[in-house]
Amino acid sequence: MQRHLATDQSDRTPQLYGLVLAGGHSRRMQRDKAALAYGGRPQLARAMDLLSPLVARSFISMRQEQQHDALRSSYEPIVDQLPGLGPIGGIHAALHSHPDKAWLVLACDLPFLDRATLERLIAERDPTRLATAYRSSTDGMPEPLCAIYEPASRAVIAHWIERGEHCPRKFLAQHEVRLLDLARSNALDNINTPEEYAAAQPLAGDDSVTAAHAASPVKAQRVHVRYFALLREQAGRSAEELETSAGTALELYQELRRRRGLGLDPERLRVAVNDEFGDWHTRLSEGDTVAFLPPVAGG
């Protein structure tokens, strides 16, 4: 009989349950992010499909008014006990609903997440710490919404909330946790706006792409980047050389949006690789020079 990874632990290690956070208001997206489709499937269903085989039981975190929502009602619910706190409210509710369990917590809006990333998190889990999480490839801070929270974190998180603190990233940054480096820099990218959703569509939700990434993680490579016009002002430089695991020009631009605060959507730009205009799906190689060019005003 096949065993869950979560149950193949020593008797002294708390059993692992799973939680997908799906209680947000999706204000920036202007529609329910849990229902957004990638590869023809709602991303909530995709997240649950990734999570469920790796844990003993899996649940959906939601607000009280979402309990009869058609998409969420097919899963076991954990309803926020402290409304209005955002993700940490969902984590708090899970830890209190089954206080002897550890929790693998996922945001529902991680369309680039793959099974290999979750399996490594479980394999390198440290149950002697409050949590095990990945380190952001952008700023080095902990990623709280793909992380394992141990039972010992329950009281500490409750005290954190009592102090008026609601940020799970700050919680992990200020407490004793284990941090891992991501094999793929975009594995935990989330999608918050309609523009980001449109840009992510060609890259996410395809099971064959996900399987390929899991079997053969993208290796880091050095590329040269050139910025023009408004992008040069936003990046604070005209050019740079950097190491990236981005496989395409679009993945590289999305990474640089986070690193450098670039404000233009990809559909407003042209991209050139090695001085030849291409499209956003152009594959990148070691040593490539990539240029991003905004539209030029004038008559």
Protein backbone atom coordinates (compact mmCIF):
# COMPACT_ATOMS: atom_id res chain seq x y z
CA MET A 1 0.00 0.00 0.00
CA GLN A 2 1.31 3.47 -0.89
CA ARG A 3 2.08 5.58 2.16
CA HIS A 4 1.78 9.35 2.51
CA LEU A 5 5.14 11.05 2.85
CA ALA A 6 3.77 12.76 5.94
CA THR A 7 3.15 9.49 7.75
CA ASP A 8 6.57 8.04 6.94
CA GLN A 9 8.06 9.87 9.95
CA SER A 10 9.35 8.79 13.33
CA ASP A 11 6.78 8.44 16.11
CA ARG A 12 8.22 11.54 17.76
CA THR A 13 7.63 13.76 14.75
CA PRO A 14 4.17 15.40 14.68
CA GLN A 15 1.98 14.18 11.84
CA LEU A 16 1.68 16.58 8.92
CA TYR A 17 -1.66 18.01 7.79
CA GLY A 18 -2.15 20.35 4.83
CA LEU A 19 -3.89 23.71 4.48
CA VAL A 20 -4.60 25.75 1.36
CA LEU A 21 -5.29 29.40 2.17
CA ALA A 22 -8.34 30.43 0.15
CA GLY A 23 -10.02 33.02 2.36
CA GLY A 24 -8.73 36.20 0.78
CA HIS A 25 -10.87 38.98 -0.67
CA SER A 26 -8.91 39.14 -3.98
CA ARG A 27 -9.34 42.91 -4.13
CA ARG A 28 -6.46 43.57 -6.52
CA MET A 29 -7.50 40.72 -8.83
CA GLN A 30 -11.15 41.93 -8.75
CA ARG A 31 -12.37 38.32 -8.88
CA ASP A 32 -11.94 35.22 -6.73
CA LYS A 33 -8.33 34.09 -7.15
CA ALA A 34 -9.17 30.56 -6.03
CA ALA A 35 -11.35 30.16 -9.13
CA LEU A 36 -8.79 31.42 -11.66
CA ALA A 37 -8.13 28.71 -14.24
CA TYR A 38 -4.73 27.48 -15.40
CA GLY A 39 -4.71 24.64 -17.91
CA GLY A 40 -8.50 24.50 -17.64
CA ARG A 41 -8.55 23.89 -13.85
CA PRO A 42 -9.22 26.28 -10.95
CA GLN A 43 -5.97 26.98 -9.17
CA LEU A 44 -7.57 25.99 -5.84
CA ALA A 45 -8.16 22.48 -7.23
CA ARG A 46 -4.61 22.36 -8.57
CA ALA A 47 -3.19 23.38 -5.20
CA MET A 48 -5.21 20.68 -3.44
CA ASP A 49 -4.12 18.08 -5.99
CA LEU A 50 -0.48 18.94 -5.30
CA LEU A 51 -0.87 18.98 -1.54
CA SER A 52 -3.21 16.08 -0.72
CA PRO A 53 -0.94 13.13 -1.66
CA LEU A 54 1.84 14.50 0.57
CA VAL A 55 -0.07 14.95 3.83
CA ALA A 56 -2.29 12.86 6.08
CA ARG A 57 -5.32 15.16 5.67
CA SER A 58 -5.86 18.35 3.70
CA PHE A 59 -8.14 21.32 4.38
CA ILE A 60 -9.22 24.65 2.91
CA SER A 61 -8.89 27.82 4.97
CA MET A 62 -11.81 30.17 4.45
CA ARG A 63 -13.88 32.98 5.93
CA GLN A 64 -17.19 32.10 7.58
CA GLU A 65 -19.24 33.57 4.73
CA GLN A 66 -17.42 31.33 2.21
CA GLN A 67 -18.58 28.01 3.72
CA HIS A 68 -21.35 27.50 1.15
CA ASP A 69 -19.28 28.61 -1.84
CA ALA A 70 -19.57 25.94 -4.55
CA LEU A 71 -15.83 25.76 -5.26
CA ARG A 72 -14.78 25.50 -1.60
CA SER A 73 -17.59 23.31 -0.26
CA SER A 74 -16.18 20.12 -1.77
CA TYR A 75 -13.17 20.26 0.58
CA GLU A 76 -12.81 19.94 4.35
CA PRO A 77 -13.01 23.48 5.77
CA ILE A 78 -11.16 25.30 8.50
CA VAL A 79 -12.97 28.56 9.19
CA ASP A 80 -11.13 31.60 10.54
CA GLN A 81 -11.57 31.96 14.31
CA LEU A 82 -10.24 35.54 14.30
CA PRO A 83 -11.74 37.29 11.27
CA GLY A 84 -9.95 40.01 9.36
CA LEU A 85 -6.35 38.91 9.99
CA GLY A 86 -5.52 37.62 6.53
CA PRO A 87 -3.24 34.58 6.07
CA ILE A 88 -2.04 34.45 9.66
CA GLY A 89 -5.66 34.09 10.75
CA GLY A 90 -5.94 30.94 8.64
CA ILE A 91 -2.70 29.54 10.04
CA HIS A 92 -3.88 30.34 13.58
CA ALA A 93 -7.22 28.55 13.00
CA ALA A 94 -5.52 25.42 11.64
CA LEU A 95 -3.07 25.18 14.54
CA HIS A 96 -5.92 25.50 17.02
CA SER A 97 -8.23 23.05 15.23
CA HIS A 98 -5.69 20.20 15.52
CA PRO A 99 -3.10 21.40 18.04
CA ASP A 100 -0.99 18.22 17.97
CA LYS A 101 -0.42 18.39 14.18
CA ALA A 102 2.11 20.20 12.05
CA TRP A 103 0.74 22.08 9.04
CA LEU A 104 2.04 22.45 5.51
CA VAL A 105 0.44 25.76 4.54
CA LEU A 106 0.05 26.93 0.92
CA ALA A 107 -1.43 30.03 -0.62
CA CYS A 108 -3.95 29.09 -3.30
CA ASP A 109 -2.38 31.49 -5.84
CA LEU A 110 0.96 29.81 -6.59
CA PRO A 111 0.53 28.72 -10.23
CA PHE A 112 4.24 27.89 -10.73
CA LEU A 113 4.50 25.63 -7.68
CA ASP A 114 5.43 22.00 -8.39
CA ARG A 115 5.48 18.77 -6.43
CA ALA A 116 9.29 18.69 -6.21
CA THR A 117 9.29 21.98 -4.27
CA LEU A 118 6.81 20.57 -1.74
CA GLU A 119 8.61 17.23 -1.45
CA ARG A 120 11.88 18.96 -0.64
CA LEU A 121 10.19 21.13 2.00
CA ILE A 122 8.89 17.98 3.67
CA ALA A 123 12.15 16.07 3.32
CA GLU A 124 14.18 18.88 4.91
CA ARG A 125 11.62 19.77 7.57
CA ASP A 126 13.10 20.46 11.00
CA PRO A 127 10.46 19.63 13.66
CA THR A 128 12.68 21.12 16.39
CA ARG A 129 12.11 24.61 14.94
CA LEU A 130 8.87 26.57 14.93
CA ALA A 131 8.68 26.29 11.16
CA THR A 132 10.47 25.27 7.97
CA ALA A 133 10.15 27.60 4.99
CA TYR A 134 11.81 28.70 1.79
CA ARG A 135 13.91 31.82 1.50
CA SER A 136 12.64 34.30 -1.11
CA SER A 137 14.82 34.38 -4.22
CA THR A 138 14.06 38.10 -4.48
CA ASP A 139 14.85 39.58 -1.06
CA GLY A 140 16.05 36.65 1.07
CA MET A 141 13.11 36.94 3.46
CA PRO A 142 11.10 33.85 4.52
CA GLU A 143 8.21 32.74 2.30
CA PRO A 144 5.41 32.15 4.83
CA LEU A 145 2.77 30.83 2.43
CA CYS A 146 4.60 27.67 1.41
CA ALA A 147 5.88 26.56 4.80
CA ILE A 148 5.51 23.94 7.52
CA TYR A 149 4.37 25.20 10.93
CA GLU A 150 5.08 22.89 13.86
CA PRO A 151 2.66 22.50 16.82
CA ALA A 152 5.02 24.55 19.01
CA SER A 153 4.29 27.60 16.84
CA ARG A 154 0.63 27.67 17.95
CA ALA A 155 1.15 29.54 21.23
CA VAL A 156 3.84 31.76 19.75
CA ILE A 157 1.61 32.82 16.86
CA ALA A 158 -1.30 33.43 19.27
CA HIS A 159 0.95 35.73 21.32
CA TRP A 160 2.15 37.42 18.12
CA ILE A 161 -1.46 38.21 17.18
CA GLU A 162 -2.26 39.44 20.71
CA ARG A 163 0.57 41.96 20.28
CA GLY A 164 -1.24 43.34 17.24
CA GLU A 165 1.10 41.73 14.68
CA HIS A 166 -0.50 40.19 11.59
CA CYS A 167 2.36 39.64 9.13
CA PRO A 168 3.40 35.96 8.82
CA ARG A 169 6.60 36.90 6.99
CA LYS A 170 7.74 39.09 9.87
CA PHE A 171 6.80 36.30 12.26
CA LEU A 172 9.11 33.83 10.52
CA ALA A 173 11.87 36.43 10.18
CA GLN A 174 11.87 37.13 13.91
CA HIS A 175 11.65 33.56 15.23
CA GLU A 176 13.62 30.34 15.14
CA VAL A 177 12.85 28.69 11.79
CA ARG A 178 14.69 26.67 9.19
CA LEU A 179 15.10 28.34 5.79
CA LEU A 180 15.80 26.57 2.49
CA ASP A 181 16.90 27.99 -0.86
CA LEU A 182 14.58 27.52 -3.83
CA ALA A 183 15.73 25.35 -6.71
CA ARG A 184 13.57 27.43 -9.08
CA SER A 185 13.42 31.15 -8.42
CA ASN A 186 9.80 31.53 -9.63
CA ALA A 187 8.33 28.48 -7.87
CA LEU A 188 6.56 30.62 -5.24
CA ASP A 189 5.57 33.59 -7.40
CA ASN A 190 1.99 34.58 -6.74
CA ILE A 191 -0.43 36.31 -9.09
CA ASN A 192 -2.33 39.31 -7.72
CA THR A 193 -3.61 41.41 -10.64
CA PRO A 194 -5.43 40.79 -13.94
CA GLU A 195 -2.28 41.85 -15.81
CA GLU A 196 -0.13 39.33 -13.94
CA TYR A 197 -2.73 36.64 -14.57
CA ALA A 198 -2.69 37.32 -18.32
CA ALA A 199 1.11 37.19 -18.39
CA ALA A 200 1.23 33.96 -16.36
CA GLN A 201 -1.28 32.05 -18.50
CA PRO A 202 1.21 30.68 -21.05
CA LEU A 203 3.61 29.56 -18.30
CA ALA A 204 1.41 28.00 -15.62
CA GLY A 205 -1.10 25.25 -15.18
CA ASP A 206 0.29 22.94 -17.85
CA ASP A 207 0.93 19.60 -16.14
CA SER A 208 3.54 18.64 -18.72
CA VAL A 209 5.48 21.83 -18.02
CA THR A 210 5.19 21.27 -14.27
CA ALA A 211 6.39 17.69 -14.62
CA ALA A 212 9.32 18.78 -16.76
CA HIS A 213 10.37 21.34 -14.18
CA ALA A 214 10.11 18.75 -11.41
CA ALA A 215 12.22 16.25 -13.31
CA SER A 216 14.81 18.75 -14.58
CA PRO A 217 15.01 21.94 -12.49
CA VAL A 218 16.26 24.97 -14.43
CA LYS A 219 19.92 25.66 -13.72
CA ALA A 220 21.04 29.16 -12.84
CA GLN A 221 22.76 31.05 -15.65
CA ARG A 222 24.30 34.48 -16.06
CA VAL A 223 22.65 36.95 -18.42
CA HIS A 224 23.19 40.60 -19.29
CA VAL A 225 20.17 42.90 -19.02
CA ARG A 226 19.75 46.33 -20.63
CA TYR A 227 17.06 48.82 -19.62
CA PHE A 228 15.77 51.68 -21.76
CA ALA A 229 13.74 54.87 -21.19
CA LEU A 230 11.35 54.65 -18.21
CA LEU A 231 12.62 51.19 -17.24
CA ARG A 232 16.13 52.62 -16.85
CA GLU A 233 14.76 55.16 -14.36
CA GLN A 234 12.75 52.54 -12.45
CA ALA A 235 15.66 50.09 -12.24
CA GLY A 236 18.13 52.82 -11.31
CA ARG A 237 20.64 51.56 -13.89
CA SER A 238 21.00 51.15 -17.63
CA ALA A 239 22.46 47.63 -17.55
CA GLU A 240 23.44 44.81 -15.22
CA GLU A 241 24.72 41.26 -15.21
CA LEU A 242 22.89 38.80 -12.98
CA GLU A 243 22.41 35.12 -12.23
CA THR A 244 18.92 33.78 -12.81
CA SER A 245 17.06 30.50 -13.17
CA ALA A 246 14.47 32.13 -15.45
CA GLY A 247 14.03 30.02 -18.55
CA THR A 248 12.35 32.60 -20.80
CA ALA A 249 12.39 36.34 -21.37
CA LEU A 250 9.01 36.63 -19.64
CA GLU A 251 10.18 34.73 -16.54
CA LEU A 252 13.23 37.00 -16.39
CA TYR A 253 11.11 40.16 -16.66
CA GLN A 254 8.72 38.99 -13.92
CA GLU A 255 11.73 38.29 -11.69
CA LEU A 256 13.12 41.77 -12.39
CA ARG A 257 9.76 43.38 -11.65
CA ARG A 258 10.08 42.06 -8.12
CA ARG A 259 13.80 42.79 -7.76
CA ARG A 260 13.84 46.27 -9.29
CA GLY A 261 10.26 47.49 -8.89
CA LEU A 262 9.59 47.73 -12.63
CA GLY A 263 6.11 49.12 -13.17
CA LEU A 264 5.34 48.42 -16.84
CA ASP A 265 3.29 45.38 -17.84
CA PRO A 266 4.96 43.01 -20.34
CA GLU A 267 2.35 43.62 -23.04
CA ARG A 268 3.50 47.27 -23.20
CA LEU A 269 7.12 46.32 -23.93
CA ARG A 270 9.27 44.85 -26.66
CA VAL A 271 12.00 42.38 -25.83
CA ALA A 272 15.23 41.74 -27.70
CA VAL A 273 17.63 38.85 -27.10
CA ASN A 274 21.18 39.29 -28.42
CA ASP A 275 20.07 42.39 -30.39
CA GLU A 276 17.25 40.60 -32.20
CA PHE A 277 13.61 41.31 -31.39
CA GLY A 278 11.79 38.21 -30.17
CA ASP A 279 8.74 37.22 -28.16
CA TRP A 280 8.29 36.64 -24.45
CA HIS A 281 8.68 32.87 -24.78
CA THR A 282 12.20 33.09 -26.22
CA ARG A 283 14.39 30.62 -24.30
CA LEU A 284 17.42 32.09 -22.55
CA SER A 285 20.96 30.68 -22.56
CA GLU A 286 24.13 31.38 -20.61
CA GLY A 287 25.62 34.75 -21.58
CA ASP A 288 22.57 36.10 -23.44
CA THR A 289 21.96 39.85 -23.54
CA VAL A 290 18.31 40.73 -22.97
CA ALA A 291 16.91 44.22 -23.59
CA PHE A 292 13.52 45.50 -22.49
CA LEU A 293 12.20 48.47 -24.48
CA PRO A 294 9.15 50.56 -23.55
CA PRO A 295 7.15 52.37 -26.23
CA VAL A 296 8.70 55.63 -27.32
CA ALA A 297 6.48 58.71 -27.43
CA GLY A 298 6.79 61.12 -30.31
CA GLY A 299 5.43 62.03 -33.69
